[in-house]
Protein backbone atom coordinates (compact mmCIF):
# COMPACT_ATOMS: atom_id res chain seq x y z
CA UNK A 1 79.34 12.37 34.76
CA UNK A 2 76.45 11.88 32.35
CA UNK A 3 75.42 9.26 29.82
CA UNK A 4 74.75 10.64 26.35
CA UNK A 5 74.26 9.41 22.80
CA UNK A 6 76.50 11.49 20.58
CA UNK A 7 76.59 11.83 16.82
CA UNK A 8 79.84 11.02 15.05
CA UNK A 9 80.38 12.11 11.47
CA UNK A 10 82.36 9.64 9.37
CA UNK A 11 83.08 11.26 6.00
CA UNK A 12 83.76 9.01 3.04
CA UNK A 13 87.21 9.02 1.46
CA UNK A 14 88.03 9.44 -2.23
CA UNK A 15 91.15 9.69 -4.35
CA UNK A 16 92.07 13.06 -5.76
CA UNK A 17 93.99 13.70 -8.96
CA UNK A 18 97.35 13.14 -7.28
CA UNK A 19 96.24 9.80 -5.87
CA UNK A 20 96.10 11.01 -2.28
CA UNK A 21 93.11 10.40 -0.04
CA UNK A 22 90.91 13.43 0.42
CA UNK A 23 87.94 13.58 2.73
CA UNK A 24 84.54 14.77 1.60
CA UNK A 25 82.90 17.64 3.40
CA UNK A 26 80.85 16.80 6.50
CA UNK A 27 77.64 17.96 4.85
CA UNK A 28 78.15 15.83 1.76
CA UNK A 29 75.35 13.46 0.90
CA UNK A 30 77.69 10.46 1.01
CA UNK A 31 78.93 11.24 4.50
CA UNK A 32 77.77 8.75 7.12
CA UNK A 33 76.34 9.74 10.47
CA UNK A 34 76.69 7.37 13.40
CA UNK A 35 75.12 7.53 16.88
CA UNK A 36 76.86 5.86 19.80
CA UNK A 37 76.34 5.91 23.59
CA UNK A 38 79.16 7.36 25.66
CA UNK A 39 80.00 8.29 29.22
CA UNK A 40 80.94 11.95 29.51
CA UNK A 41 82.98 13.19 32.48
CA UNK A 42 83.60 16.83 33.29
CA UNK A 43 86.55 17.78 35.48
CA UNK A 44 88.22 20.86 36.95
CA UNK A 45 91.66 21.64 38.33
CA UNK A 46 91.19 22.97 41.89
CA UNK A 47 94.28 25.02 42.65
CA UNK A 48 94.79 26.60 46.04
CA UNK A 49 95.52 30.08 44.64
CA UNK A 50 92.37 30.25 42.44
CA UNK A 51 88.90 31.22 43.61
CA UNK A 52 87.38 29.62 40.51
CA UNK A 53 88.99 26.93 38.36
CA UNK A 54 90.62 28.14 35.16
CA UNK A 55 91.31 24.74 33.64
CA UNK A 56 89.28 21.59 33.15
CA UNK A 57 88.56 18.70 30.82
CA UNK A 58 85.63 16.99 29.12
CA UNK A 59 86.44 13.30 28.75
CA UNK A 60 84.53 10.96 26.42
CA UNK A 61 84.59 7.31 27.49
CA UNK A 62 83.24 4.20 25.79
CA UNK A 63 82.27 0.98 27.55
CA UNK A 64 83.22 -2.05 25.44
CA UNK A 65 82.33 -5.66 26.24
CA UNK A 66 84.70 -8.47 25.28
CA UNK A 67 82.85 -11.57 24.08
CA UNK A 68 84.15 -15.09 24.33
CA UNK A 69 82.13 -17.71 22.45
CA UNK A 70 79.21 -15.33 22.22
CA UNK A 71 79.09 -14.69 25.98
CA UNK A 72 79.99 -11.32 27.44
CA UNK A 73 82.82 -12.03 29.88
CA UNK A 74 84.07 -8.59 30.89
CA UNK A 75 83.82 -4.93 30.09
CA UNK A 76 86.51 -2.37 29.58
CA UNK A 77 86.45 1.41 29.65
CA UNK A 78 88.23 3.13 26.80
CA UNK A 79 89.01 6.84 26.55
CA UNK A 80 87.85 8.06 23.13
CA UNK A 81 88.95 11.67 23.37
CA UNK A 82 89.17 14.61 25.72
CA UNK A 83 88.83 18.35 25.36
CA UNK A 84 90.71 20.94 27.39
CA UNK A 85 88.48 23.82 28.51
CA UNK A 86 89.17 27.13 30.22
CA UNK A 87 87.33 26.56 33.47
CA UNK A 88 85.55 23.98 35.55
CA UNK A 89 82.86 21.82 33.92
CA UNK A 90 79.90 22.14 36.30
CA UNK A 91 77.13 20.43 34.35
CA UNK A 92 76.44 18.56 31.11
CA UNK A 93 73.40 17.11 29.39
CA UNK A 94 72.24 15.45 26.20
CA UNK A 95 71.28 17.92 23.48
CA UNK A 96 69.51 17.68 20.14
CA UNK A 97 71.01 16.07 17.02
CA UNK A 98 73.40 14.00 19.11
CA UNK A 99 75.21 17.02 20.56
CA UNK A 100 76.40 17.73 24.09
CA UNK A 101 75.54 20.82 26.13
CA UNK A 102 78.04 21.80 28.82
CA UNK A 103 78.48 24.67 31.26
CA UNK A 104 82.02 25.86 31.88
CA UNK A 105 82.22 28.49 34.62
CA UNK A 106 79.87 31.24 33.40
CA UNK A 107 79.64 30.01 29.79
CA UNK A 108 77.21 27.55 28.18
CA UNK A 109 78.71 25.75 25.18
CA UNK A 110 77.66 23.08 22.67
CA UNK A 111 80.07 20.28 21.78
CA UNK A 112 80.07 17.65 19.05
CA UNK A 113 82.13 14.60 18.15
CA UNK A 114 83.91 14.81 14.82
CA UNK A 115 85.86 12.19 12.91
CA UNK A 116 88.35 12.85 10.11
CA UNK A 117 87.70 9.47 8.50
CA UNK A 118 91.04 7.99 9.52
CA UNK A 119 89.90 6.63 12.88
CA UNK A 120 90.68 9.76 14.90
CA UNK A 121 87.71 11.18 16.79
CA UNK A 122 87.82 14.47 18.63
CA UNK A 123 85.41 16.57 20.67
CA UNK A 124 85.06 20.14 19.47
CA UNK A 125 83.15 23.26 20.47
CA UNK A 126 80.45 24.35 18.03
CA UNK A 127 79.68 27.95 17.17
CA UNK A 128 79.27 30.70 19.72
CA UNK A 129 78.32 29.81 23.28
CA UNK A 130 76.23 31.88 25.67
CA UNK A 131 77.74 34.22 28.24
CA UNK A 132 75.95 36.34 30.80
CA UNK A 133 75.72 34.23 33.94
CA UNK A 134 77.54 34.58 37.23
CA UNK A 135 78.18 30.83 37.49
CA UNK A 136 76.34 28.31 35.33
CA UNK A 137 75.88 25.41 37.73
CA UNK A 138 73.13 23.41 36.03
CA UNK A 139 71.86 22.72 32.53
CA UNK A 140 68.96 20.58 31.35
CA UNK A 141 67.15 19.86 28.07
CA UNK A 142 64.40 17.54 26.84
CA UNK A 143 66.49 16.01 24.04
CA UNK A 144 66.15 12.25 23.78
CA UNK A 145 69.06 9.86 23.65
CA UNK A 146 68.76 8.77 20.03
CA UNK A 147 70.33 5.57 18.75
CA UNK A 148 70.25 5.09 15.01
CA UNK A 149 68.89 1.74 13.75
CA UNK A 150 71.34 -0.88 12.62
CA UNK A 151 71.70 -2.02 9.06
CA UNK A 152 71.86 -0.30 5.69
CA UNK A 153 69.16 2.19 6.68
CA UNK A 154 71.19 3.64 9.54
CA UNK A 155 72.75 6.47 7.57
CA UNK A 156 69.51 7.30 5.75
CA UNK A 157 67.41 7.40 8.91
CA UNK A 158 70.05 9.44 10.72
CA UNK A 159 70.05 12.03 7.95
CA UNK A 160 66.28 12.22 7.94
CA UNK A 161 66.28 12.67 11.71
CA UNK A 162 68.95 15.36 11.61
CA UNK A 163 67.04 17.23 8.92
CA UNK A 164 63.73 16.99 10.75
CA UNK A 165 64.92 17.93 14.24
CA UNK A 166 65.98 21.52 13.56
CA UNK A 167 62.33 22.34 12.80
CA UNK A 168 61.68 21.99 16.52
CA UNK A 169 62.96 24.61 18.92
CA UNK A 170 66.21 23.44 20.49
CA UNK A 171 65.68 24.65 24.05
CA UNK A 172 67.55 24.21 27.31
CA UNK A 173 67.40 25.76 30.77
CA UNK A 174 70.47 26.97 32.63
CA UNK A 175 70.53 27.34 36.41
CA UNK A 176 72.73 30.16 37.67
CA UNK A 177 74.30 30.46 41.10
CA UNK A 178 72.40 33.65 41.98
CA UNK A 179 70.26 34.60 38.97
CA UNK A 180 67.71 31.77 38.95
CA UNK A 181 66.85 30.05 35.64
CA UNK A 182 67.37 31.17 32.06
CA UNK A 183 65.95 29.68 28.86
CA UNK A 184 68.38 29.42 25.93
CA UNK A 185 67.76 28.37 22.34
CA UNK A 186 70.21 27.01 19.79
CA UNK A 187 69.99 28.21 16.19
CA UNK A 188 71.75 25.61 14.00
CA UNK A 189 71.75 27.81 10.89
CA UNK A 190 73.88 30.38 12.73
CA UNK A 191 75.50 28.01 15.25
CA UNK A 192 74.63 30.34 18.10
CA UNK A 193 73.15 29.80 21.56
CA UNK A 194 71.03 32.74 22.70
CA UNK A 195 68.99 33.54 25.79
CA UNK A 196 65.32 34.09 24.96
CA UNK A 197 63.75 34.30 28.44
CA UNK A 198 64.74 34.36 32.09
CA UNK A 199 63.41 34.50 35.63
CA UNK A 200 64.19 37.89 37.12
CA UNK A 201 63.88 36.70 40.74
CA UNK A 202 67.11 36.29 42.67
CA UNK A 203 66.96 32.55 43.37
CA UNK A 204 70.13 30.72 44.39
CA UNK A 205 69.57 27.67 42.22
CA UNK A 206 70.39 24.17 43.47
CA UNK A 207 68.68 22.05 40.76
CA UNK A 208 66.76 22.54 37.50
CA UNK A 209 64.59 20.39 35.21
CA UNK A 210 62.47 20.86 32.10
CA UNK A 211 59.00 19.38 32.63
CA UNK A 212 57.91 20.46 29.15
CA UNK A 213 59.01 22.94 26.53
CA UNK A 214 57.20 25.70 28.44
CA UNK A 215 57.24 24.53 32.10
CA UNK A 216 60.44 24.44 34.19
CA UNK A 217 61.10 23.21 37.71
CA UNK A 218 63.75 24.59 40.04
CA UNK A 219 65.07 24.20 43.56
CA UNK A 220 66.81 26.89 45.60
CA UNK A 221 68.99 27.05 48.69
CA UNK A 222 66.23 28.13 51.10
CA UNK A 223 64.72 24.63 50.77
CA UNK A 224 62.02 25.78 48.35
CA UNK A 225 60.74 24.55 45.00
CA UNK A 226 59.43 26.83 42.27
CA UNK A 227 57.87 26.35 38.84
CA UNK A 228 58.30 28.75 35.92
CA UNK A 229 56.23 29.09 32.77
CA UNK A 230 57.18 30.56 29.42
CA UNK A 231 54.93 33.17 27.81
CA UNK A 232 54.85 31.91 24.23
CA UNK A 233 51.58 33.59 23.23
CA UNK A 234 52.29 37.04 24.62
CA UNK A 235 52.12 39.90 22.13
CA UNK A 236 54.83 41.99 23.76
CA UNK A 237 58.47 41.02 23.50
CA UNK A 238 59.03 42.33 27.01
CA UNK A 239 56.54 39.79 28.37
CA UNK A 240 57.85 36.91 26.24
CA UNK A 241 61.34 37.35 27.66
CA UNK A 242 60.07 36.84 31.22
CA UNK A 243 59.43 33.49 32.90
CA UNK A 244 56.37 33.68 35.15
CA UNK A 245 56.36 31.98 38.54
CA UNK A 246 53.30 29.69 38.55
CA UNK A 247 54.17 27.51 41.56
CA UNK A 248 55.98 27.89 44.88
CA UNK A 249 56.39 25.33 47.65
CA UNK A 250 58.55 24.92 50.77
CA UNK A 251 60.02 21.43 50.71
CA UNK A 252 61.94 21.72 53.99
CA UNK A 253 65.10 20.12 52.57
CA UNK A 254 67.61 21.37 50.03
CA UNK A 255 66.96 19.64 46.72
CA UNK A 256 70.09 19.13 44.62
CA UNK A 257 68.96 16.75 41.86
CA UNK A 258 66.03 16.33 39.47
CA UNK A 259 65.67 13.57 36.94
CA UNK A 260 62.87 12.17 34.83
CA UNK A 261 61.71 8.77 36.01
CA UNK A 262 59.51 6.80 38.36
CA UNK A 263 60.02 4.70 41.47
CA UNK A 264 57.53 2.07 40.31
CA UNK A 265 57.09 0.01 37.17
CA UNK A 266 54.87 1.77 34.62
CA UNK A 267 51.42 0.34 34.06
CA UNK A 268 51.01 -1.00 30.52
CA UNK A 269 47.31 -1.74 30.73
CA UNK A 270 46.05 1.83 30.95
CA UNK A 271 48.87 3.59 29.16
CA UNK A 272 48.08 5.61 26.07
CA UNK A 273 50.70 6.67 23.54
CA UNK A 274 51.84 10.24 23.94
CA UNK A 275 50.80 11.96 20.74
CA UNK A 276 49.90 15.45 19.68
CA UNK A 277 51.38 18.79 20.61
CA UNK A 278 50.95 21.11 23.56
CA UNK A 279 49.96 19.26 26.68
CA UNK A 280 49.72 15.96 24.77
CA UNK A 281 47.90 12.83 25.79
CA UNK A 282 48.06 12.14 29.50
CA UNK A 283 47.83 8.69 31.03
CA UNK A 284 44.43 7.95 32.47
CA UNK A 285 45.22 5.89 35.53
CA UNK A 286 41.75 5.48 36.84
CA UNK A 287 38.61 5.08 34.75
CA UNK A 288 35.61 7.12 35.75
CA UNK A 289 33.07 4.76 37.36
CA UNK A 290 29.46 4.50 36.47
CA UNK A 291 27.28 6.95 38.27
CA UNK A 292 24.83 5.44 40.67
CA UNK A 293 22.03 6.99 42.66
CA UNK A 294 21.99 6.87 46.43
CA UNK A 295 19.76 8.30 49.15
CA UNK A 296 21.33 10.82 51.52
CA UNK A 297 19.51 11.84 54.72
CA UNK A 298 18.14 15.35 54.47
CA UNK A 299 17.32 17.90 57.12
CA UNK A 300 14.47 17.10 59.54
CA UNK A 301 11.11 17.56 57.91
CA UNK A 302 12.47 17.29 54.35
CA UNK A 303 12.50 14.35 51.97
CA UNK A 304 15.82 12.65 51.33
CA UNK A 305 17.67 14.01 48.31
CA UNK A 306 19.06 11.95 45.49
CA UNK A 307 22.81 12.38 44.87
CA UNK A 308 25.01 10.98 42.19
CA UNK A 309 28.36 9.65 43.35
CA UNK A 310 31.16 10.61 40.98
CA UNK A 311 34.88 9.91 41.28
CA UNK A 312 37.11 12.01 39.02
CA UNK A 313 39.67 10.15 36.91
CA UNK A 314 43.30 10.51 37.96
CA UNK A 315 45.46 11.80 35.12
CA UNK A 316 49.18 12.54 35.45
CA UNK A 317 51.71 14.00 33.06
CA UNK A 318 55.39 14.37 33.92
CA UNK A 319 57.18 12.10 36.41
CA UNK A 320 60.17 13.79 38.05
CA UNK A 321 62.32 12.26 40.78
CA UNK A 322 64.17 14.49 43.22
CA UNK A 323 66.92 13.95 45.76
CA UNK A 324 67.93 16.12 48.69
CA UNK A 325 71.15 16.66 50.61
CA UNK A 326 69.59 14.84 53.57
CA UNK A 327 69.15 11.68 51.51
CA UNK A 328 65.43 11.98 50.83
CA UNK A 329 64.05 10.59 47.56
CA UNK A 330 60.69 11.75 46.26
CA UNK A 331 58.61 12.19 43.15
CA UNK A 332 56.89 15.23 41.64
CA UNK A 333 53.91 14.41 39.43
CA UNK A 334 52.32 16.73 36.92
CA UNK A 335 48.53 16.73 37.39
CA UNK A 336 45.81 17.87 35.03
CA UNK A 337 43.19 20.43 36.07
CA UNK A 338 40.47 18.17 37.56
CA UNK A 339 43.00 15.98 39.40
CA UNK A 340 44.80 18.99 40.87
CA UNK A 341 41.45 20.52 41.92
CA UNK A 342 40.46 17.28 43.67
CA UNK A 343 43.64 16.98 45.72
CA UNK A 344 43.68 20.70 46.52
CA UNK A 345 40.18 20.33 47.91
CA UNK A 346 41.29 17.27 49.90
CA UNK A 347 44.25 19.24 51.24
CA UNK A 348 42.00 22.07 52.44
CA UNK A 349 39.56 19.65 54.04
CA UNK A 350 42.33 17.89 55.95
CA UNK A 351 43.65 21.22 57.25
CA UNK A 352 40.18 22.13 58.55
CA UNK A 353 39.21 18.78 60.10
CA UNK A 354 42.46 17.24 61.34
CA UNK A 355 44.28 19.30 64.02
CA UNK A 356 47.97 19.76 63.08
CA UNK A 357 50.76 18.40 65.25
CA UNK A 358 51.73 21.02 67.83
CA UNK A 359 49.10 23.36 66.40
CA UNK A 360 51.58 24.49 63.75
CA UNK A 361 49.88 25.85 60.66
CA UNK A 362 50.41 23.70 57.60
CA UNK A 363 49.98 26.71 55.33
CA UNK A 364 52.73 28.60 57.13
CA UNK A 365 55.07 25.61 56.96
CA UNK A 366 54.62 25.11 53.21
CA UNK A 367 54.78 28.84 52.40
CA UNK A 368 57.65 29.89 50.12
CA UNK A 369 60.15 31.59 52.43
CA UNK A 370 63.39 32.98 51.01
CA UNK A 371 65.13 35.81 52.85
CA UNK A 372 62.64 38.71 52.75
CA UNK A 373 60.20 36.97 50.38
CA UNK A 374 57.27 35.17 51.98
CA UNK A 375 54.60 33.85 49.60
CA UNK A 376 51.81 31.36 50.29
CA UNK A 377 52.26 28.00 48.64
CA UNK A 378 50.51 27.74 45.29
CA UNK A 379 50.69 25.53 42.24
CA UNK A 380 51.63 22.50 44.39
CA UNK A 381 49.71 19.88 46.36
CA UNK A 382 51.35 18.37 49.43
CA UNK A 383 51.32 14.65 48.69
CA UNK A 384 52.34 13.71 52.24
CA UNK A 385 49.33 15.53 53.64
CA UNK A 386 46.96 14.08 51.03
CA UNK A 387 48.13 10.52 51.67
CA UNK A 388 47.78 10.96 55.45
CA UNK A 389 44.05 10.59 54.72
CA UNK A 390 44.63 6.81 54.65
CA UNK A 391 45.89 6.86 58.26
CA UNK A 392 42.70 8.36 59.70
CA UNK A 393 39.91 6.42 61.36
CA UNK A 394 36.69 5.92 59.45
CA UNK A 395 34.69 8.58 61.27
CA UNK A 396 37.37 11.24 60.65
CA UNK A 397 37.58 10.16 57.02
CA UNK A 398 33.86 10.71 56.63
CA UNK A 399 34.15 14.18 58.16
CA UNK A 400 36.87 15.04 55.64
CA UNK A 401 34.71 13.79 52.76
CA UNK A 402 31.74 15.81 54.02
CA UNK A 403 33.96 18.90 54.19
CA UNK A 404 35.06 18.28 50.59
CA UNK A 405 31.42 18.12 49.50
CA UNK A 406 30.66 21.36 51.33
CA UNK A 407 33.71 22.99 49.77
CA UNK A 408 32.79 21.87 46.26
CA UNK A 409 36.22 22.80 44.91
CA UNK A 410 36.96 19.25 43.80
CA UNK A 411 34.62 19.78 40.81
CA UNK A 412 36.46 22.85 39.53
CA UNK A 413 38.57 22.66 36.40
CA UNK A 414 41.41 25.15 36.79
CA UNK A 415 42.54 24.53 33.21
CA UNK A 416 39.32 25.80 31.75
CA UNK A 417 38.85 28.41 34.44
CA UNK A 418 35.41 27.10 35.37
CA UNK A 419 33.47 27.94 38.46
CA UNK A 420 31.56 25.93 41.03
CA UNK A 421 29.60 23.52 38.90
CA UNK A 422 27.27 22.59 41.76
CA UNK A 423 25.76 26.06 41.77
CA UNK A 424 25.48 26.62 38.03
CA UNK A 425 21.83 25.75 37.61
CA UNK A 426 22.06 22.22 39.00
CA UNK A 427 19.03 21.23 41.01
CA UNK A 428 19.38 20.06 44.62
CA UNK A 429 17.98 16.65 43.72
CA UNK A 430 20.61 16.16 41.02
CA UNK A 431 23.81 17.43 42.62
CA UNK A 432 26.98 15.36 42.62
CA UNK A 433 28.52 14.09 45.85
CA UNK A 434 31.74 12.33 46.78
CA UNK A 435 31.55 9.16 48.82
CA UNK A 436 34.16 7.80 51.20
CA UNK A 437 34.91 4.96 48.78
CA UNK A 438 35.54 7.44 45.97
CA UNK A 439 38.12 9.43 47.94
CA UNK A 440 39.82 6.28 49.22
CA UNK A 441 40.12 4.88 45.70
CA UNK A 442 41.65 8.08 44.28
CA UNK A 443 44.17 8.50 47.13
CA UNK A 444 45.17 4.83 47.01
CA UNK A 445 45.67 5.09 43.26
CA UNK A 446 47.94 8.06 43.78
CA UNK A 447 50.03 6.20 46.38
CA UNK A 448 50.70 3.48 43.81
CA UNK A 449 52.65 5.95 41.68
CA UNK A 450 55.68 6.09 43.98
């Protein structure tokens, strides 16, 4: 069951020459477009003699509240319409222009609500769906749940929105039972849904999510997480149709649900509006402090050197919640380059200074392990390990900070592909150092996000 805001066409009625009511075409300028929230339920008939269901339904429900003297007293569920499909409905999601995207067995199909103007509303399949999967278990898109404004401007604004939205690529990701994740695009001018890229690794998908138009998150049945990236700027068509694996991580539990959201209330004081294209504006959660000079003891026989304490700002992008079959709830945060470099350096320092429990290697535990594939973890930072820094005693904390300063990787910017900034012509008396207070502040700020 999903909650979606669907578009309902309500064509105007006119009298023809014989005096009978005739409806205007759906695309007519006088036709009204209405957006309403609905509950959508997908079902399947599980028969004992069928390996896969051959019949199912998509039911559209509306929740109405009955008011008495202006006070909502009760709510009632009303069935608006239902659509019989040839197979089990495994997944559904909100799609662009108030449409619904559903997976039925191995087929991905787009649905829309249509009204004939006489009060009868029905759910219908649109155009040609996409075939080519073994079993389409999951589908996800970044379409927003749009609700048209009330008043006389509702129809006008809805038309402007519907005309403007097709200019943007209508993308969705489909998670297959055995064939990992595929990226599909809907072409409204042809009413077709086509696959434009896919991951050619054999991942048994258990959950999918779109972090952005080009970054996709997936979970698979060997308790791993993986991140895929679309090659939009590649010159070759063969490269553009492939999704590159840019992150792999062993979670240790089977993840079966992703959803956008946060476990804490968003901060309104430091939030910036998300504008622009590409990566967009990220939320700066921690302002960069003023740099102050401090004396650090030098080697015997040398004068103390002057260091400048600098704490990198914490910037996050996407917020994705996940749930596992064991009942674990967690959050996956998208980090920018400097923030990811800082926590990766902290992770390495903790592995070197703090002995692991039972002398089990942390790198081996978090390595992506699926059947005969064994890859070291990359593209992820273990938040549990990073936050264990707060449980250490002060002397061990200082050792970790010193190791981070020796490593120097916290100053790297992996987005720009920069190198070690401490060795690029910076004098010894002007190098930048992390203090214990800086690391504590950044880690504590990160813990406040979940």
